Amino acid sequence: MQTAKSLFSTIILFLTLACNSPQTFENRGYTSAVGDAVPNIEFKLIDGTTATLKELKGKVVVLQFTASWCSVCRKEMPHLEKEVWQRFKNDDFILIGVDYDEPLETVIKFKETIKTTYPMALDPNADIFGIFAHKKSGVTRNVVIDKDGKIAFQTRLFEEKEFNEMINKIEELLK
């Protein structure tokens, strides 16, 4: 009887925490939605330059949220490099990796280890991440922004079907 009560209490605690979590199946931790206008964001790139979304207007922009400690990010990044960046980089397109609250030296080493060539930006305190998702939700995300500065597609984690849907959306936006 005591084991049943303990199990029941554990289930109730789990359900309470799950229901109060900022991430649900529907929003997957996002606070933004497809169709939302994105504010002008300034990116501090690891090469010392800066870029703003205002400057990038007229391009399709993919923000890839990542971190060196994220195993799913490490799995996804070579696919982003080959199937997205190398494929679309000569079009009206830019992919920016946005590293979740890590120091410059860590991000430089991370980029070298993963062997990506697309630009990487620092995100101190995860302030850029916080524009799109709850800061306590998982980091592996891509936000596709259309040429007018509106969110066109959002991914969460690295799942082949959704990744391919993102590529299809990029193709559509570049037509």
C-alpha atoms as a PDB file:
ATOM      1  CA  MET A   1       0.000   0.000   0.000  1.00  0.00           C
ATOM      2  CA  GLN A   2       2.851   2.384   0.859  1.00  0.00           C
ATOM      3  CA  THR A   3       4.476   1.729  -2.550  1.00  0.00           C
ATOM      4  CA  ALA A   4       1.215   2.541  -4.341  1.00  0.00           C
ATOM      5  CA  LYS A   5       0.871   5.814  -2.407  1.00  0.00           C
ATOM      6  CA  SER A   6       4.474   6.722  -3.201  1.00  0.00           C
ATOM      7  CA  LEU A   7       3.975   5.938  -6.890  1.00  0.00           C
ATOM      8  CA  PHE A   8       0.739   7.948  -6.962  1.00  0.00           C
ATOM      9  CA  SER A   9       2.465  10.923  -5.280  1.00  0.00           C
ATOM     10  CA  THR A  10       5.322  10.757  -7.803  1.00  0.00           C
ATOM     11  CA  ILE A  11       2.874  10.724 -10.719  1.00  0.00           C
ATOM     12  CA  ILE A  12       0.944  13.702  -9.313  1.00  0.00           C
ATOM     13  CA  LEU A  13       4.201  15.630  -8.799  1.00  0.00           C
ATOM     14  CA  PHE A  14       5.334  14.854 -12.361  1.00  0.00           C
ATOM     15  CA  LEU A  15       1.996  15.947 -13.847  1.00  0.00           C
ATOM     16  CA  THR A  16       2.008  19.150 -11.802  1.00  0.00           C
ATOM     17  CA  LEU A  17       5.515  20.029 -12.988  1.00  0.00           C
ATOM     18  CA  ALA A  18       4.709  19.104 -16.590  1.00  0.00           C
ATOM     19  CA  CYS A  19       1.578  21.245 -16.616  1.00  0.00           C
ATOM     20  CA  ASN A  20       3.414  24.240 -15.156  1.00  0.00           C
ATOM     21  CA  SER A  21       6.369  23.915 -17.532  1.00  0.00           C
ATOM     22  CA  PRO A  22       6.785  26.696 -20.111  1.00  0.00           C
ATOM     23  CA  GLN A  23       7.150  24.065 -22.825  1.00  0.00           C
ATOM     24  CA  THR A  24       4.090  22.263 -24.143  1.00  0.00           C
ATOM     25  CA  PHE A  25       3.676  19.941 -27.077  1.00  0.00           C
ATOM     26  CA  GLU A  26       1.964  22.696 -29.046  1.00  0.00           C
ATOM     27  CA  ASN A  27       4.473  25.512 -28.488  1.00  0.00           C
ATOM     28  CA  ARG A  28       7.586  23.397 -27.744  1.00  0.00           C
ATOM     29  CA  GLY A  29       8.898  26.186 -25.534  1.00  0.00           C
ATOM     30  CA  TYR A  30       8.462  28.927 -28.129  1.00  0.00           C
ATOM     31  CA  THR A  31       7.008  32.265 -27.130  1.00  0.00           C
ATOM     32  CA  SER A  32       6.976  33.348 -30.776  1.00  0.00           C
ATOM     33  CA  ALA A  33       4.821  31.998 -33.586  1.00  0.00           C
ATOM     34  CA  VAL A  34       4.840  31.742 -37.357  1.00  0.00           C
ATOM     35  CA  GLY A  35       3.699  35.076 -38.757  1.00  0.00           C
ATOM     36  CA  ASP A  36       5.142  37.158 -35.906  1.00  0.00           C
ATOM     37  CA  ALA A  37       7.262  40.153 -36.898  1.00  0.00           C
ATOM     38  CA  VAL A  38      10.792  39.876 -35.513  1.00  0.00           C
ATOM     39  CA  PRO A  39      12.284  42.946 -33.827  1.00  0.00           C
ATOM     40  CA  ASN A  40      15.571  44.389 -35.048  1.00  0.00           C
ATOM     41  CA  ILE A  41      18.243  42.273 -33.369  1.00  0.00           C
ATOM     42  CA  GLU A  42      21.941  43.075 -33.306  1.00  0.00           C
ATOM     43  CA  PHE A  43      24.249  40.079 -33.591  1.00  0.00           C
ATOM     44  CA  LYS A  44      27.824  40.213 -32.312  1.00  0.00           C
ATOM     45  CA  LEU A  45      29.575  37.751 -34.588  1.00  0.00           C
ATOM     46  CA  ILE A  46      32.599  35.822 -33.362  1.00  0.00           C
ATOM     47  CA  ASP A  47      34.788  37.396 -36.060  1.00  0.00           C
ATOM     48  CA  GLY A  48      34.327  40.766 -34.311  1.00  0.00           C
ATOM     49  CA  THR A  49      31.771  42.202 -36.740  1.00  0.00           C
ATOM     50  CA  THR A  50      28.111  42.934 -36.092  1.00  0.00           C
ATOM     51  CA  ALA A  51      24.972  42.442 -38.134  1.00  0.00           C
ATOM     52  CA  THR A  52      21.376  43.481 -37.585  1.00  0.00           C
ATOM     53  CA  LEU A  53      18.155  41.997 -38.860  1.00  0.00           C
ATOM     54  CA  LYS A  54      17.373  45.412 -40.337  1.00  0.00           C
ATOM     55  CA  GLU A  55      20.520  45.125 -42.486  1.00  0.00           C
ATOM     56  CA  LEU A  56      19.481  41.614 -43.512  1.00  0.00           C
ATOM     57  CA  LYS A  57      15.960  42.593 -44.601  1.00  0.00           C
ATOM     58  CA  GLY A  58      15.355  41.247 -48.102  1.00  0.00           C
ATOM     59  CA  LYS A  59      17.163  38.002 -47.252  1.00  0.00           C
ATOM     60  CA  VAL A  60      15.812  34.765 -45.865  1.00  0.00           C
ATOM     61  CA  VAL A  61      17.432  34.400 -42.436  1.00  0.00           C
ATOM     62  CA  VAL A  62      17.794  31.231 -40.406  1.00  0.00           C
ATOM     63  CA  LEU A  63      18.753  31.626 -36.761  1.00  0.00           C
ATOM     64  CA  GLN A  64      20.171  28.371 -35.451  1.00  0.00           C
ATOM     65  CA  PHE A  65      20.218  28.346 -31.658  1.00  0.00           C
ATOM     66  CA  THR A  66      23.024  26.178 -30.355  1.00  0.00           C
ATOM     67  CA  ALA A  67      25.545  25.557 -27.572  1.00  0.00           C
ATOM     68  CA  SER A  68      28.762  23.572 -27.315  1.00  0.00           C
ATOM     69  CA  TRP A  69      27.329  21.359 -24.544  1.00  0.00           C
ATOM     70  CA  CYS A  70      24.249  20.443 -26.614  1.00  0.00           C
ATOM     71  CA  SER A  71      24.560  16.954 -28.132  1.00  0.00           C
ATOM     72  CA  VAL A  72      21.542  17.420 -30.420  1.00  0.00           C
ATOM     73  CA  CYS A  73      23.022  20.684 -31.724  1.00  0.00           C
ATOM     74  CA  ARG A  74      26.293  18.899 -32.488  1.00  0.00           C
ATOM     75  CA  LYS A  75      24.353  16.284 -34.442  1.00  0.00           C
ATOM     76  CA  GLU A  76      22.341  18.878 -36.387  1.00  0.00           C
ATOM     77  CA  MET A  77      25.104  21.343 -37.275  1.00  0.00           C
ATOM     78  CA  PRO A  78      26.886  19.257 -39.960  1.00  0.00           C
ATOM     79  CA  HIS A  79      23.490  18.847 -41.688  1.00  0.00           C
ATOM     80  CA  LEU A  80      22.886  22.602 -41.504  1.00  0.00           C
ATOM     81  CA  GLU A  81      26.335  23.197 -42.974  1.00  0.00           C
ATOM     82  CA  LYS A  82      25.926  20.787 -45.879  1.00  0.00           C
ATOM     83  CA  GLU A  83      22.205  20.795 -46.636  1.00  0.00           C
ATOM     84  CA  VAL A  84      21.348  24.412 -45.843  1.00  0.00           C
ATOM     85  CA  TRP A  85      24.368  26.736 -45.730  1.00  0.00           C
ATOM     86  CA  GLN A  86      26.368  25.275 -48.616  1.00  0.00           C
ATOM     87  CA  ARG A  87      23.209  24.951 -50.704  1.00  0.00           C
ATOM     88  CA  PHE A  88      21.730  28.435 -50.190  1.00  0.00           C
ATOM     89  CA  LYS A  89      24.631  30.705 -49.172  1.00  0.00           C
ATOM     90  CA  ASN A  90      24.912  32.272 -52.644  1.00  0.00           C
ATOM     91  CA  ASP A  91      21.208  33.201 -52.708  1.00  0.00           C
ATOM     92  CA  ASP A  92      19.441  35.963 -50.751  1.00  0.00           C
ATOM     93  CA  PHE A  93      20.051  33.881 -47.648  1.00  0.00           C
ATOM     94  CA  ILE A  94      22.003  33.842 -44.413  1.00  0.00           C
ATOM     95  CA  LEU A  95      22.301  31.252 -41.658  1.00  0.00           C
ATOM     96  CA  ILE A  96      23.555  32.531 -38.311  1.00  0.00           C
ATOM     97  CA  GLY A  97      24.403  30.202 -35.470  1.00  0.00           C
ATOM     98  CA  VAL A  98      23.423  31.890 -32.207  1.00  0.00           C
ATOM     99  CA  ASP A  99      25.362  30.407 -29.303  1.00  0.00           C
ATOM    100  CA  TYR A 100      23.486  30.237 -26.010  1.00  0.00           C
ATOM    101  CA  ASP A 101      25.361  32.223 -23.340  1.00  0.00           C
ATOM    102  CA  GLU A 102      28.934  30.963 -23.788  1.00  0.00           C
ATOM    103  CA  PRO A 103      32.207  32.924 -23.912  1.00  0.00           C
ATOM    104  CA  LEU A 104      33.871  33.799 -27.211  1.00  0.00           C
ATOM    105  CA  GLU A 105      36.754  31.318 -26.792  1.00  0.00           C
ATOM    106  CA  THR A 106      34.328  28.438 -26.230  1.00  0.00           C
ATOM    107  CA  VAL A 107      32.283  29.345 -29.299  1.00  0.00           C
ATOM    108  CA  ILE A 108      35.359  29.666 -31.532  1.00  0.00           C
ATOM    109  CA  LYS A 109      36.619  26.240 -30.426  1.00  0.00           C
ATOM    110  CA  PHE A 110      33.124  24.747 -30.837  1.00  0.00           C
ATOM    111  CA  LYS A 111      32.827  26.074 -34.401  1.00  0.00           C
ATOM    112  CA  GLU A 112      36.285  24.727 -35.279  1.00  0.00           C
ATOM    113  CA  THR A 113      35.472  21.315 -33.795  1.00  0.00           C
ATOM    114  CA  ILE A 114      32.158  20.987 -35.656  1.00  0.00           C
ATOM    115  CA  LYS A 115      33.752  22.403 -38.840  1.00  0.00           C
ATOM    116  CA  THR A 116      30.988  24.832 -39.743  1.00  0.00           C
ATOM    117  CA  THR A 117      31.621  27.825 -41.997  1.00  0.00           C
ATOM    118  CA  TYR A 118      28.409  29.774 -41.456  1.00  0.00           C
ATOM    119  CA  PRO A 119      28.588  32.850 -39.192  1.00  0.00           C
ATOM    120  CA  MET A 120      28.233  32.397 -35.444  1.00  0.00           C
ATOM    121  CA  ALA A 121      27.001  35.014 -32.990  1.00  0.00           C
ATOM    122  CA  LEU A 122      27.296  35.302 -29.239  1.00  0.00           C
ATOM    123  CA  ASP A 123      24.149  35.457 -27.127  1.00  0.00           C
ATOM    124  CA  PRO A 124      25.152  36.655 -23.649  1.00  0.00           C
ATOM    125  CA  ASN A 125      22.473  35.866 -21.076  1.00  0.00           C
ATOM    126  CA  ALA A 126      20.488  34.157 -23.874  1.00  0.00           C
ATOM    127  CA  ASP A 127      18.772  37.476 -24.599  1.00  0.00           C
ATOM    128  CA  ILE A 128      18.279  36.722 -28.311  1.00  0.00           C
ATOM    129  CA  PHE A 129      17.068  33.208 -27.486  1.00  0.00           C
ATOM    130  CA  GLY A 130      14.593  34.781 -25.044  1.00  0.00           C
ATOM    131  CA  ILE A 131      12.950  36.751 -27.875  1.00  0.00           C
ATOM    132  CA  PHE A 132      11.768  33.460 -29.380  1.00  0.00           C
ATOM    133  CA  ALA A 133      11.537  30.929 -26.537  1.00  0.00           C
ATOM    134  CA  HIS A 134      11.439  30.531 -22.793  1.00  0.00           C
ATOM    135  CA  LYS A 135      15.026  30.691 -21.562  1.00  0.00           C
ATOM    136  CA  LYS A 136      14.567  27.474 -19.588  1.00  0.00           C
ATOM    137  CA  SER A 137      13.376  25.514 -22.644  1.00  0.00           C
ATOM    138  CA  GLY A 138      15.703  23.406 -24.778  1.00  0.00           C
ATOM    139  CA  VAL A 139      18.279  25.138 -26.950  1.00  0.00           C
ATOM    140  CA  THR A 140      18.180  23.172 -30.245  1.00  0.00           C
ATOM    141  CA  ARG A 141      15.998  25.378 -32.461  1.00  0.00           C
ATOM    142  CA  ASN A 142      15.923  26.996 -35.887  1.00  0.00           C
ATOM    143  CA  VAL A 143      13.873  30.082 -36.661  1.00  0.00           C
ATOM    144  CA  VAL A 144      13.331  30.862 -40.352  1.00  0.00           C
ATOM    145  CA  ILE A 145      12.612  34.531 -41.028  1.00  0.00           C
ATOM    146  CA  ASP A 146      11.213  35.611 -44.395  1.00  0.00           C
ATOM    147  CA  LYS A 147      12.451  38.534 -46.505  1.00  0.00           C
ATOM    148  CA  ASP A 148       9.942  40.862 -44.804  1.00  0.00           C
ATOM    149  CA  GLY A 149      11.176  40.057 -41.296  1.00  0.00           C
ATOM    150  CA  LYS A 150       8.396  37.689 -40.212  1.00  0.00           C
ATOM    151  CA  ILE A 151       8.781  34.203 -38.769  1.00  0.00           C
ATOM    152  CA  ALA A 152       8.037  31.662 -41.501  1.00  0.00           C
ATOM    153  CA  PHE A 153       9.019  28.400 -39.779  1.00  0.00           C
ATOM    154  CA  GLN A 154      10.322  27.128 -36.434  1.00  0.00           C
ATOM    155  CA  THR A 155      11.951  23.822 -35.576  1.00  0.00           C
ATOM    156  CA  ARG A 156      12.690  22.113 -32.285  1.00  0.00           C
ATOM    157  CA  LEU A 157      15.327  19.415 -31.796  1.00  0.00           C
ATOM    158  CA  PHE A 158      16.690  17.636 -34.865  1.00  0.00           C
ATOM    159  CA  GLU A 159      14.157  15.429 -36.570  1.00  0.00           C
ATOM    160  CA  GLU A 160      14.625  14.523 -40.243  1.00  0.00           C
ATOM    161  CA  LYS A 161      11.032  15.169 -41.345  1.00  0.00           C
ATOM    162  CA  GLU A 162      10.874  18.614 -39.755  1.00  0.00           C
ATOM    163  CA  PHE A 163      14.390  19.449 -40.975  1.00  0.00           C
ATOM    164  CA  ASN A 164      13.329  18.631 -44.550  1.00  0.00           C
ATOM    165  CA  GLU A 165      10.160  20.722 -44.117  1.00  0.00           C
ATOM    166  CA  MET A 166      12.399  23.621 -43.079  1.00  0.00           C
ATOM    167  CA  ILE A 167      14.511  23.185 -46.230  1.00  0.00           C
ATOM    168  CA  ASN A 168      11.331  23.136 -48.335  1.00  0.00           C
ATOM    169  CA  LYS A 169      10.191  26.374 -46.638  1.00  0.00           C
ATOM    170  CA  ILE A 170      13.558  28.020 -47.368  1.00  0.00           C
ATOM    171  CA  GLU A 171      13.297  26.970 -51.033  1.00  0.00           C
ATOM    172  CA  GLU A 172       9.772  28.403 -51.201  1.00  0.00           C
ATOM    173  CA  LEU A 173      10.846  31.705 -49.642  1.00  0.00           C
ATOM    174  CA  LEU A 174      13.777  32.074 -52.049  1.00  0.00           C
ATOM    175  CA  LYS A 175      11.589  31.742 -55.185  1.00  0.00           C
END
